[in-house]
Structure formats: C-alpha cells, structure tokens
C-alpha cells in the first residue's frame, strides 16, 4: 500500500510543481500586480504550490516506515530535508529589475 501512495504523491508533487509554477510566472513581470493582473490565476497557482508543499511532506511521512528499517538516522535526515523543502516551497521571487 505504501509504495502506491508514495508513487501517487510523487506524481502529484511533479504535476503541481509544473502547473503551479507556470501559473505564477506572470507575477515576476514588472508592474503585473499594479495593472490588475488576473487574480484567479494567481490564486490557483498559490493553491497548487500549497498542494506541492503538502505532498512533499506527505511523501516523507509515507516513506518513513520503510526508510527507518534501513537506518533511523538517515530516515530522519530524509524526513527533515523533505519537510524543509516543503516548508520553503513557494517559488515566487522578486523580478531582477
């Protein structure tokens, strides 16, 4: 059961990363927000980025039992790094003007 759940979560993370990132690309253009950009697109992109963060953390939680059998310290390192990755997932950065 766990391998299938982990596989679905990996696919979900990949899909939400691509879709959410592409929907948030216009925000990096100078003056996008001040010109009344499409707010529904930004809200959808932000929601997909949140789903990405949750799925990345869920992958670590699902894989924990299997990884712990190989070595608890390395399993904890994996869970910690995936949690940090998920919590720092939003990729909206200021445009380099």
PDB file of N, CA and C in Angstrom:
ATOM      1  N   UNK A   1       0.822  -1.206   0.000  1.00  0.00           N
ATOM      2  CA  UNK A   1       0.000   0.000   0.000  1.00  0.00           C
ATOM      3  C   UNK A   1       0.858   1.257   0.000  1.00  0.00           C
ATOM      4  N   UNK A   2       1.899   1.272   0.827  1.00  0.00           N
ATOM      5  CA  UNK A   2       2.718   2.479   0.935  1.00  0.00           C
ATOM      6  C   UNK A   2       3.441   2.846  -0.357  1.00  0.00           C
ATOM      7  N   UNK A   3       3.957   1.868  -1.119  1.00  0.00           N
ATOM      8  CA  UNK A   3       4.620   2.256  -2.366  1.00  0.00           C
ATOM      9  C   UNK A   3       3.677   2.943  -3.359  1.00  0.00           C
ATOM     10  N   UNK A   4       2.428   2.487  -3.411  1.00  0.00           N
ATOM     11  CA  UNK A   4       1.472   3.129  -4.322  1.00  0.00           C
ATOM     12  C   UNK A   4       1.153   4.551  -3.872  1.00  0.00           C
ATOM     13  N   UNK A   5       0.961   4.722  -2.589  1.00  0.00           N
ATOM     14  CA  UNK A   5       0.665   6.058  -2.060  1.00  0.00           C
ATOM     15  C   UNK A   5       1.848   6.986  -2.321  1.00  0.00           C
ATOM     16  N   UNK A   6       3.050   6.493  -2.090  1.00  0.00           N
ATOM     17  CA  UNK A   6       4.240   7.303  -2.340  1.00  0.00           C
ATOM     18  C   UNK A   6       4.344   7.653  -3.819  1.00  0.00           C
ATOM     19  N   UNK A   7       4.051   6.695  -4.691  1.00  0.00           N
ATOM     20  CA  UNK A   7       4.083   6.959  -6.133  1.00  0.00           C
ATOM     21  C   UNK A   7       3.075   8.010  -6.541  1.00  0.00           C
ATOM     22  N   UNK A   8       1.863   7.920  -6.015  1.00  0.00           N
ATOM     23  CA  UNK A   8       0.833   8.917  -6.322  1.00  0.00           C
ATOM     24  C   UNK A   8       1.260  10.292  -5.820  1.00  0.00           C
ATOM     25  N   UNK A   9       1.863  10.329  -4.640  1.00  0.00           N
ATOM     26  CA  UNK A   9       2.310  11.611  -4.095  1.00  0.00           C
ATOM     27  C   UNK A   9       3.454  12.212  -4.925  1.00  0.00           C
ATOM     28  N   UNK A  10       4.363  11.368  -5.422  1.00  0.00           N
ATOM     29  CA  UNK A  10       5.430  11.869  -6.290  1.00  0.00           C
ATOM     30  C   UNK A  10       4.846  12.453  -7.577  1.00  0.00           C
ATOM     31  N   UNK A  11       3.871  11.765  -8.163  1.00  0.00           N
ATOM     32  CA  UNK A  11       3.226  12.279  -9.381  1.00  0.00           C
ATOM     33  C   UNK A  11       2.486  13.577  -9.081  1.00  0.00           C
ATOM     34  N   UNK A  12       1.781  13.615  -7.953  1.00  0.00           N
ATOM     35  CA  UNK A  12       1.068  14.830  -7.556  1.00  0.00           C
ATOM     36  C   UNK A  12       2.039  15.995  -7.350  1.00  0.00           C
ATOM     37  N   UNK A  13       3.161  15.716  -6.701  1.00  0.00           N
ATOM     38  CA  UNK A  13       4.153  16.775  -6.477  1.00  0.00           C
ATOM     39  C   UNK A  13       4.706  17.286  -7.802  1.00  0.00           C
ATOM     40  N   UNK A  14       4.983  16.397  -8.722  1.00  0.00           N
ATOM     41  CA  UNK A  14       5.512  16.819 -10.023  1.00  0.00           C
ATOM     42  C   UNK A  14       4.492  17.652 -10.793  1.00  0.00           C
ATOM     43  N   UNK A  15       3.256  17.186 -10.810  1.00  0.00           N
ATOM     44  CA  UNK A  15       2.215  17.901 -11.554  1.00  0.00           C
ATOM     45  C   UNK A  15       1.924  19.270 -10.955  1.00  0.00           C
ATOM     46  N   UNK A  16       1.830  19.336  -9.638  1.00  0.00           N
ATOM     47  CA  UNK A  16       1.533  20.629  -9.016  1.00  0.00           C
ATOM     48  C   UNK A  16       2.719  21.587  -9.112  1.00  0.00           C
ATOM     49  N   UNK A  17       3.935  21.066  -9.156  1.00  0.00           N
ATOM     50  CA  UNK A  17       5.102  21.938  -9.304  1.00  0.00           C
ATOM     51  C   UNK A  17       5.098  22.597 -10.676  1.00  0.00           C
ATOM     52  N   UNK A  18       4.817  21.821 -11.697  1.00  0.00           N
ATOM     53  CA  UNK A  18       4.816  22.364 -13.064  1.00  0.00           C
ATOM     54  C   UNK A  18       3.642  23.314 -13.265  1.00  0.00           C
ATOM     55  N   UNK A  19       2.448  22.870 -12.873  1.00  0.00           N
ATOM     56  CA  UNK A  19       1.260  23.695 -13.092  1.00  0.00           C
ATOM     57  C   UNK A  19       1.281  24.960 -12.232  1.00  0.00           C
ATOM     58  N   UNK A  20       1.604  24.810 -10.959  1.00  0.00           N
ATOM     59  CA  UNK A  20       1.634  25.983 -10.082  1.00  0.00           C
ATOM     60  C   UNK A  20       2.705  26.972 -10.471  1.00  0.00           C
ATOM     61  N   UNK A  21       3.874  26.459 -10.838  1.00  0.00           N
ATOM     62  CA  UNK A  21       4.955  27.348 -11.260  1.00  0.00           C
ATOM     63  C   UNK A  21       4.633  28.110 -12.524  1.00  0.00           C
ATOM     64  N   UNK A  22       3.977  27.435 -13.469  1.00  0.00           N
ATOM     65  CA  UNK A  22       3.648  28.125 -14.712  1.00  0.00           C
ATOM     66  C   UNK A  22       2.541  29.158 -14.511  1.00  0.00           C
ATOM     67  N   UNK A  23       1.636  28.907 -13.588  1.00  0.00           N
ATOM     68  CA  UNK A  23       0.587  29.890 -13.328  1.00  0.00           C
ATOM     69  C   UNK A  23       1.115  31.108 -12.580  1.00  0.00           C
ATOM     70  N   UNK A  24       2.205  30.948 -11.857  1.00  0.00           N
ATOM     71  CA  UNK A  24       2.754  32.072 -11.100  1.00  0.00           C
ATOM     72  C   UNK A  24       3.838  32.839 -11.852  1.00  0.00           C
ATOM     73  N   UNK A  25       4.191  32.400 -13.043  1.00  0.00           N
ATOM     74  CA  UNK A  25       5.236  33.098 -13.806  1.00  0.00           C
ATOM     75  C   UNK A  25       4.914  34.565 -14.110  1.00  0.00           C
ATOM     76  N   UNK A  26       3.681  34.911 -14.483  1.00  0.00           N
ATOM     77  CA  UNK A  26       3.413  36.312 -14.820  1.00  0.00           C
ATOM     78  C   UNK A  26       3.645  37.295 -13.675  1.00  0.00           C
ATOM     79  N   UNK A  27       3.604  36.832 -12.437  1.00  0.00           N
ATOM     80  CA  UNK A  27       3.770  37.752 -11.305  1.00  0.00           C
ATOM     81  C   UNK A  27       5.186  38.325 -11.260  1.00  0.00           C
ATOM     82  N   UNK A  28       6.126  37.690 -11.948  1.00  0.00           N
ATOM     83  CA  UNK A  28       7.501  38.167 -11.955  1.00  0.00           C
ATOM     84  C   UNK A  28       7.718  39.317 -12.937  1.00  0.00           C
ATOM     85  N   UNK A  29       6.720  39.624 -13.738  1.00  0.00           N
ATOM     86  CA  UNK A  29       6.837  40.745 -14.673  1.00  0.00           C
ATOM     87  C   UNK A  29       6.649  42.062 -13.927  1.00  0.00           C
ATOM     88  N   UNK A  30       7.464  43.058 -14.254  1.00  0.00           N
ATOM     89  CA  UNK A  30       7.332  44.348 -13.564  1.00  0.00           C
ATOM     90  C   UNK A  30       5.942  44.950 -13.764  1.00  0.00           C
ATOM     91  N   UNK A  31       5.334  45.384 -12.686  1.00  0.00           N
ATOM     92  CA  UNK A  31       4.046  46.067 -12.745  1.00  0.00           C
ATOM     93  C   UNK A  31       2.856  45.155 -12.928  1.00  0.00           C
ATOM     94  N   UNK A  32       3.018  43.856 -12.807  1.00  0.00           N
ATOM     95  CA  UNK A  32       1.906  42.935 -13.054  1.00  0.00           C
ATOM     96  C   UNK A  32       0.770  43.152 -12.065  1.00  0.00           C
ATOM     97  N   UNK A  33       1.090  43.280 -10.800  1.00  0.00           N
ATOM     98  CA  UNK A  33       0.045  43.435  -9.792  1.00  0.00           C
ATOM     99  C   UNK A  33      -0.599  44.814  -9.826  1.00  0.00           C
ATOM    100  N   UNK A  34       0.167  45.830 -10.182  1.00  0.00           N
ATOM    101  CA  UNK A  34      -0.392  47.183 -10.209  1.00  0.00           C
ATOM    102  C   UNK A  34      -1.280  47.409 -11.430  1.00  0.00           C
ATOM    103  N   UNK A  35      -1.173  46.577 -12.452  1.00  0.00           N
ATOM    104  CA  UNK A  35      -2.012  46.734 -13.639  1.00  0.00           C
ATOM    105  C   UNK A  35      -3.277  45.895 -13.571  1.00  0.00           C
ATOM    106  N   UNK A  36      -3.515  45.268 -12.434  1.00  0.00           N
ATOM    107  CA  UNK A  36      -4.739  44.474 -12.273  1.00  0.00           C
ATOM    108  C   UNK A  36      -4.652  43.142 -12.980  1.00  0.00           C
ATOM    109  N   UNK A  37      -3.612  42.407 -12.700  1.00  0.00           N
ATOM    110  CA  UNK A  37      -3.434  41.089 -13.313  1.00  0.00           C
ATOM    111  C   UNK A  37      -4.542  40.135 -12.928  1.00  0.00           C
ATOM    112  N   UNK A  38      -4.551  38.983 -13.543  1.00  0.00           N
ATOM    113  CA  UNK A  38      -5.614  38.001 -13.304  1.00  0.00           C
ATOM    114  C   UNK A  38      -5.419  37.354 -11.930  1.00  0.00           C
ATOM    115  N   UNK A  39      -6.297  37.713 -11.019  1.00  0.00           N
ATOM    116  CA  UNK A  39      -6.163  37.251  -9.637  1.00  0.00           C
ATOM    117  C   UNK A  39      -6.551  35.781  -9.487  1.00  0.00           C
ATOM    118  N   UNK A  40      -7.479  35.294 -10.316  1.00  0.00           N
ATOM    119  CA  UNK A  40      -7.868  33.888 -10.230  1.00  0.00           C
ATOM    120  C   UNK A  40      -6.691  32.992 -10.601  1.00  0.00           C
ATOM    121  N   UNK A  41      -5.908  33.415 -11.585  1.00  0.00           N
ATOM    122  CA  UNK A  41      -4.731  32.643 -11.986  1.00  0.00           C
ATOM    123  C   UNK A  41      -3.727  32.577 -10.847  1.00  0.00           C
ATOM    124  N   UNK A  42      -3.514  33.701 -10.170  1.00  0.00           N
ATOM    125  CA  UNK A  42      -2.577  33.726  -9.050  1.00  0.00           C
ATOM    126  C   UNK A  42      -3.078  32.887  -7.883  1.00  0.00           C
ATOM    127  N   UNK A  43      -4.368  32.948  -7.612  1.00  0.00           N
ATOM    128  CA  UNK A  43      -4.925  32.156  -6.518  1.00  0.00           C
ATOM    129  C   UNK A  43      -4.807  30.661  -6.813  1.00  0.00           C
ATOM    130  N   UNK A  44      -5.061  30.278  -8.053  1.00  0.00           N
ATOM    131  CA  UNK A  44      -4.924  28.869  -8.431  1.00  0.00           C
ATOM    132  C   UNK A  44      -3.473  28.427  -8.336  1.00  0.00           C
ATOM    133  N   UNK A  45      -2.560  29.265  -8.797  1.00  0.00           N
ATOM    134  CA  UNK A  45      -1.133  28.944  -8.707  1.00  0.00           C
ATOM    135  C   UNK A  45      -0.671  28.803  -7.265  1.00  0.00           C
ATOM    136  N   UNK A  46      -1.143  29.690  -6.401  1.00  0.00           N
ATOM    137  CA  UNK A  46      -0.777  29.612  -4.981  1.00  0.00           C
ATOM    138  C   UNK A  46      -1.355  28.358  -4.337  1.00  0.00           C
ATOM    139  N   UNK A  47      -2.576  27.994  -4.697  1.00  0.00           N
ATOM    140  CA  UNK A  47      -3.186  26.779  -4.165  1.00  0.00           C
ATOM    141  C   UNK A  47      -2.408  25.535  -4.617  1.00  0.00           C
ATOM    142  N   UNK A  48      -1.971  25.526  -5.866  1.00  0.00           N
ATOM    143  CA  UNK A  48      -1.173  24.400  -6.367  1.00  0.00           C
ATOM    144  C   UNK A  48       0.191  24.334  -5.677  1.00  0.00           C
ATOM    145  N   UNK A  49       0.785  25.480  -5.390  1.00  0.00           N
ATOM    146  CA  UNK A  49       2.053  25.496  -4.661  1.00  0.00           C
ATOM    147  C   UNK A  49       1.869  24.968  -3.239  1.00  0.00           C
ATOM    148  N   UNK A  50       0.733  25.281  -2.629  1.00  0.00           N
ATOM    149  CA  UNK A  50       0.441  24.742  -1.304  1.00  0.00           C
ATOM    150  C   UNK A  50       0.264  23.228  -1.365  1.00  0.00           C
ATOM    151  N   UNK A  51      -0.426  22.745  -2.406  1.00  0.00           N
ATOM    152  CA  UNK A  51      -0.583  21.296  -2.587  1.00  0.00           C
ATOM    153  C   UNK A  51       0.768  20.629  -2.805  1.00  0.00           C
ATOM    154  N   UNK A  52       1.671  21.312  -3.494  1.00  0.00           N
ATOM    155  CA  UNK A  52       3.027  20.796  -3.681  1.00  0.00           C
ATOM    156  C   UNK A  52       3.729  20.641  -2.335  1.00  0.00           C
ATOM    157  N   UNK A  53       3.644  21.656  -1.500  1.00  0.00           N
ATOM    158  CA  UNK A  53       4.301  21.603  -0.191  1.00  0.00           C
ATOM    159  C   UNK A  53       3.745  20.465   0.666  1.00  0.00           C
ATOM    160  N   UNK A  54       2.435  20.305   0.657  1.00  0.00           N
ATOM    161  CA  UNK A  54       1.816  19.243   1.443  1.00  0.00           C
ATOM    162  C   UNK A  54       2.213  17.875   0.910  1.00  0.00           C
ATOM    163  N   UNK A  55       2.240  17.719  -0.409  1.00  0.00           N
ATOM    164  CA  UNK A  55       2.582  16.408  -0.968  1.00  0.00           C
ATOM    165  C   UNK A  55       4.043  16.052  -0.722  1.00  0.00           C
ATOM    166  N   UNK A  56       4.936  17.035  -0.739  1.00  0.00           N
ATOM    167  CA  UNK A  56       6.350  16.764  -0.463  1.00  0.00           C
ATOM    168  C   UNK A  56       6.530  16.285   0.974  1.00  0.00           C
ATOM    169  N   UNK A  57       5.853  16.917   1.904  1.00  0.00           N
ATOM    170  CA  UNK A  57       5.946  16.495   3.304  1.00  0.00           C
ATOM    171  C   UNK A  57       5.270  15.143   3.501  1.00  0.00           C
ATOM    172  N   UNK A  58       4.169  14.897   2.790  1.00  0.00           N
ATOM    173  CA  UNK A  58       3.472  13.619   2.904  1.00  0.00           C
ATOM    174  C   UNK A  58       4.307  12.468   2.344  1.00  0.00           C
ATOM    175  N   UNK A  59       5.100  12.729   1.311  1.00  0.00           N
ATOM    176  CA  UNK A  59       5.987  11.691   0.773  1.00  0.00           C
ATOM    177  C   UNK A  59       6.926  11.200   1.861  1.00  0.00           C
ATOM    178  N   UNK A  60       7.516  12.130   2.589  1.00  0.00           N
ATOM    179  CA  UNK A  60       8.435  11.753   3.666  1.00  0.00           C
ATOM    180  C   UNK A  60       7.717  10.956   4.745  1.00  0.00           C
ATOM    181  N   UNK A  61       6.502  11.352   5.081  1.00  0.00           N
ATOM    182  CA  UNK A  61       5.754  10.647   6.121  1.00  0.00           C
ATOM    183  C   UNK A  61       5.391   9.228   5.680  1.00  0.00           C
ATOM    184  N   UNK A  62       5.041   9.069   4.416  1.00  0.00           N
ATOM    185  CA  UNK A  62       4.665   7.747   3.913  1.00  0.00           C
ATOM    186  C   UNK A  62       5.879   6.835   3.806  1.00  0.00           C
ATOM    187  N   UNK A  63       7.030   7.378   3.427  1.00  0.00           N
ATOM    188  CA  UNK A  63       8.228   6.563   3.260  1.00  0.00           C
ATOM    189  C   UNK A  63       8.964   6.296   4.575  1.00  0.00           C
ATOM    190  N   UNK A  64       8.597   6.985   5.646  1.00  0.00           N
ATOM    191  CA  UNK A  64       9.292   6.844   6.928  1.00  0.00           C
ATOM    192  C   UNK A  64       9.394   5.389   7.398  1.00  0.00           C
ATOM    193  N   UNK A  65       8.312   4.603   7.419  1.00  0.00           N
ATOM    194  CA  UNK A  65       8.448   3.234   7.933  1.00  0.00           C
ATOM    195  C   UNK A  65       9.442   2.378   7.134  1.00  0.00           C
ATOM    196  N   UNK A  66       9.435   2.525   5.829  1.00  0.00           N
ATOM    197  CA  UNK A  66      10.354   1.742   5.003  1.00  0.00           C
ATOM    198  C   UNK A  66      11.790   2.223   5.162  1.00  0.00           C
ATOM    199  N   UNK A  67      11.975   3.518   5.238  1.00  0.00           N
ATOM    200  CA  UNK A  67      13.329   4.060   5.361  1.00  0.00           C
ATOM    201  C   UNK A  67      13.922   3.787   6.741  1.00  0.00           C
ATOM    202  N   UNK A  68      13.086   3.742   7.748  1.00  0.00           N
ATOM    203  CA  UNK A  68      13.558   3.525   9.116  1.00  0.00           C
ATOM    204  C   UNK A  68      14.200   2.152   9.269  1.00  0.00           C
ATOM    205  N   UNK A  69      13.729   1.183   8.503  1.00  0.00           N
ATOM    206  CA  UNK A  69      14.317  -0.158   8.577  1.00  0.00           C
ATOM    207  C   UNK A  69      15.755  -0.170   8.074  1.00  0.00           C
ATOM    208  N   UNK A  70      16.088   0.741   7.162  1.00  0.00           N
ATOM    209  CA  UNK A  70      17.451   0.807   6.635  1.00  0.00           C
ATOM    210  C   UNK A  70      18.398   1.544   7.575  1.00  0.00           C
ATOM    211  N   UNK A  71      17.868   2.446   8.347  1.00  0.00           N
ATOM    212  CA  UNK A  71      18.679   3.219   9.286  1.00  0.00           C
ATOM    213  C   UNK A  71      17.891   4.416   9.771  1.00  0.00           C
ATOM    214  N   UNK A  72      17.690   4.464  11.066  1.00  0.00           N
ATOM    215  CA  UNK A  72      16.812   5.504  11.598  1.00  0.00           C
ATOM    216  C   UNK A  72      17.384   6.905  11.422  1.00  0.00           C
ATOM    217  N   UNK A  73      18.699   7.053  11.520  1.00  0.00           N
ATOM    218  CA  UNK A  73      19.294   8.384  11.381  1.00  0.00           C
ATOM    219  C   UNK A  73      19.145   8.916   9.956  1.00  0.00           C
ATOM    220  N   UNK A  74      19.403   8.072   8.977  1.00  0.00           N
ATOM    221  CA  UNK A  74      19.250   8.504   7.590  1.00  0.00           C
ATOM    222  C   UNK A  74      17.780   8.746   7.253  1.00  0.00           C
ATOM    223  N   UNK A  75      16.888   7.938   7.813  1.00  0.00           N
ATOM    224  CA  UNK A  75      15.464   8.144   7.588  1.00  0.00           C
ATOM    225  C   UNK A  75      15.013   9.482   8.168  1.00  0.00           C
ATOM    226  N   UNK A  76      15.510   9.810   9.351  1.00  0.00           N
ATOM    227  CA  UNK A  76      15.157  11.091   9.959  1.00  0.00           C
ATOM    228  C   UNK A  76      15.736  12.253   9.157  1.00  0.00           C
ATOM    229  N   UNK A  77      16.936  12.076   8.626  1.00  0.00           N
ATOM    230  CA  UNK A  77      17.525  13.105   7.766  1.00  0.00           C
ATOM    231  C   UNK A  77      16.670  13.328   6.532  1.00  0.00           C
ATOM    232  N   UNK A  78      16.180  12.243   5.922  1.00  0.00           N
ATOM    233  CA  UNK A  78      15.317  12.362   4.747  1.00  0.00           C
ATOM    234  C   UNK A  78      14.024  13.092   5.094  1.00  0.00           C
ATOM    235  N   UNK A  79      13.399  12.702   6.188  1.00  0.00           N
ATOM    236  CA  UNK A  79      12.153  13.343   6.598  1.00  0.00           C
ATOM    237  C   UNK A  79      12.386  14.824   6.891  1.00  0.00           C
ATOM    238  N   UNK A  80      13.486  15.135   7.548  1.00  0.00           N
ATOM    239  CA  UNK A  80      13.792  16.527   7.879  1.00  0.00           C
ATOM    240  C   UNK A  80      14.023  17.362   6.623  1.00  0.00           C
ATOM    241  N   UNK A  81      14.807  16.841   5.691  1.00  0.00           N
ATOM    242  CA  UNK A  81      15.087  17.625   4.484  1.00  0.00           C
ATOM    243  C   UNK A  81      13.837  17.787   3.626  1.00  0.00           C
ATOM    244  N   UNK A  82      12.997  16.767   3.542  1.00  0.00           N
ATOM    245  CA  UNK A  82      11.759  16.906   2.766  1.00  0.00           C
ATOM    246  C   UNK A  82      10.804  17.884   3.444  1.00  0.00           C
ATOM    247  N   UNK A  83      10.786  17.899   4.772  1.00  0.00           N
ATOM    248  CA  UNK A  83       9.939  18.853   5.480  1.00  0.00           C
ATOM    249  C   UNK A  83      10.435  20.274   5.249  1.00  0.00           C
ATOM    250  N   UNK A  84      11.743  20.467   5.296  1.00  0.00           N
ATOM    251  CA  UNK A  84      12.289  21.797   4.999  1.00  0.00           C
ATOM    252  C   UNK A  84      12.003  22.197   3.560  1.00  0.00           C
ATOM    253  N   UNK A  85      12.108  21.255   2.650  1.00  0.00           N
ATOM    254  CA  UNK A  85      11.802  21.547   1.250  1.00  0.00           C
ATOM    255  C   UNK A  85      10.340  21.949   1.096  1.00  0.00           C
ATOM    256  N   UNK A  86       9.460  21.222   1.754  1.00  0.00           N
ATOM    257  CA  UNK A  86       8.041  21.541   1.660  1.00  0.00           C
ATOM    258  C   UNK A  86       7.681  22.867   2.293  1.00  0.00           C
ATOM    259  N   UNK A  87       8.351  23.196   3.379  1.00  0.00           N
ATOM    260  CA  UNK A  87       8.024  24.461   4.052  1.00  0.00           C
ATOM    261  C   UNK A  87       8.633  25.670   3.363  1.00  0.00           C
ATOM    262  N   UNK A  88       9.614  25.454   2.497  1.00  0.00           N
ATOM    263  CA  UNK A  88      10.201  26.579   1.759  1.00  0.00           C
ATOM    264  C   UNK A  88       9.882  26.484   0.282  1.00  0.00           C
ATOM    265  N   UNK A  89       8.774  25.852  -0.050  1.00  0.00           N
ATOM    266  CA  UNK A  89       8.430  25.557  -1.433  1.00  0.00           C
ATOM    267  C   UNK A  89       8.039  26.763  -2.294  1.00  0.00           C
ATOM    268  N   UNK A  90       7.337  27.754  -1.774  1.00  0.00           N
ATOM    269  CA  UNK A  90       6.895  28.832  -2.676  1.00  0.00           C
ATOM    270  C   UNK A  90       8.060  29.444  -3.448  1.00  0.00           C
ATOM    271  N   UNK A  91       7.887  29.493  -4.764  1.00  0.00           N
ATOM    272  CA  UNK A  91       8.985  29.911  -5.628  1.00  0.00           C
ATOM    273  C   UNK A  91       8.809  31.305  -6.199  1.00  0.00           C
ATOM    274  N   UNK A  92       7.925  32.087  -5.635  1.00  0.00           N
ATOM    275  CA  UNK A  92       7.738  33.432  -6.149  1.00  0.00           C
ATOM    276  C   UNK A  92       8.856  34.313  -5.613  1.00  0.00           C
ATOM    277  N   UNK A  93       9.664  34.818  -6.505  1.00  0.00           N
ATOM    278  CA  UNK A  93      10.793  35.658  -6.126  1.00  0.00           C
ATOM    279  C   UNK A  93      10.659  37.027  -6.799  1.00  0.00           C
ATOM    280  N   UNK A  94      11.257  38.030  -6.234  1.00  0.00           N
ATOM    281  CA  UNK A  94      11.207  39.327  -6.882  1.00  0.00           C
ATOM    282  C   UNK A  94      11.897  39.283  -8.247  1.00  0.00           C
ATOM    283  N   UNK A  95      11.331  39.997  -9.172  1.00  0.00           N
ATOM    284  CA  UNK A  95      11.927  40.061 -10.507  1.00  0.00           C
ATOM    285  C   UNK A  95      13.223  40.855 -10.454  1.00  0.00           C
ATOM    286  N   UNK A  96      14.238  40.423 -11.184  1.00  0.00           N
ATOM    287  CA  UNK A  96      15.525  41.142 -11.173  1.00  0.00           C
ATOM    288  C   UNK A  96      15.472  42.386 -12.053  1.00  0.00           C
ATOM    289  N   UNK A  97      14.993  43.503 -11.517  1.00  0.00           N
ATOM    290  CA  UNK A  97      14.936  44.738 -12.309  1.00  0.00           C
ATOM    291  C   UNK A  97      16.071  45.613 -11.962  1.00  0.00           C
TER     292      UNK A  97
END
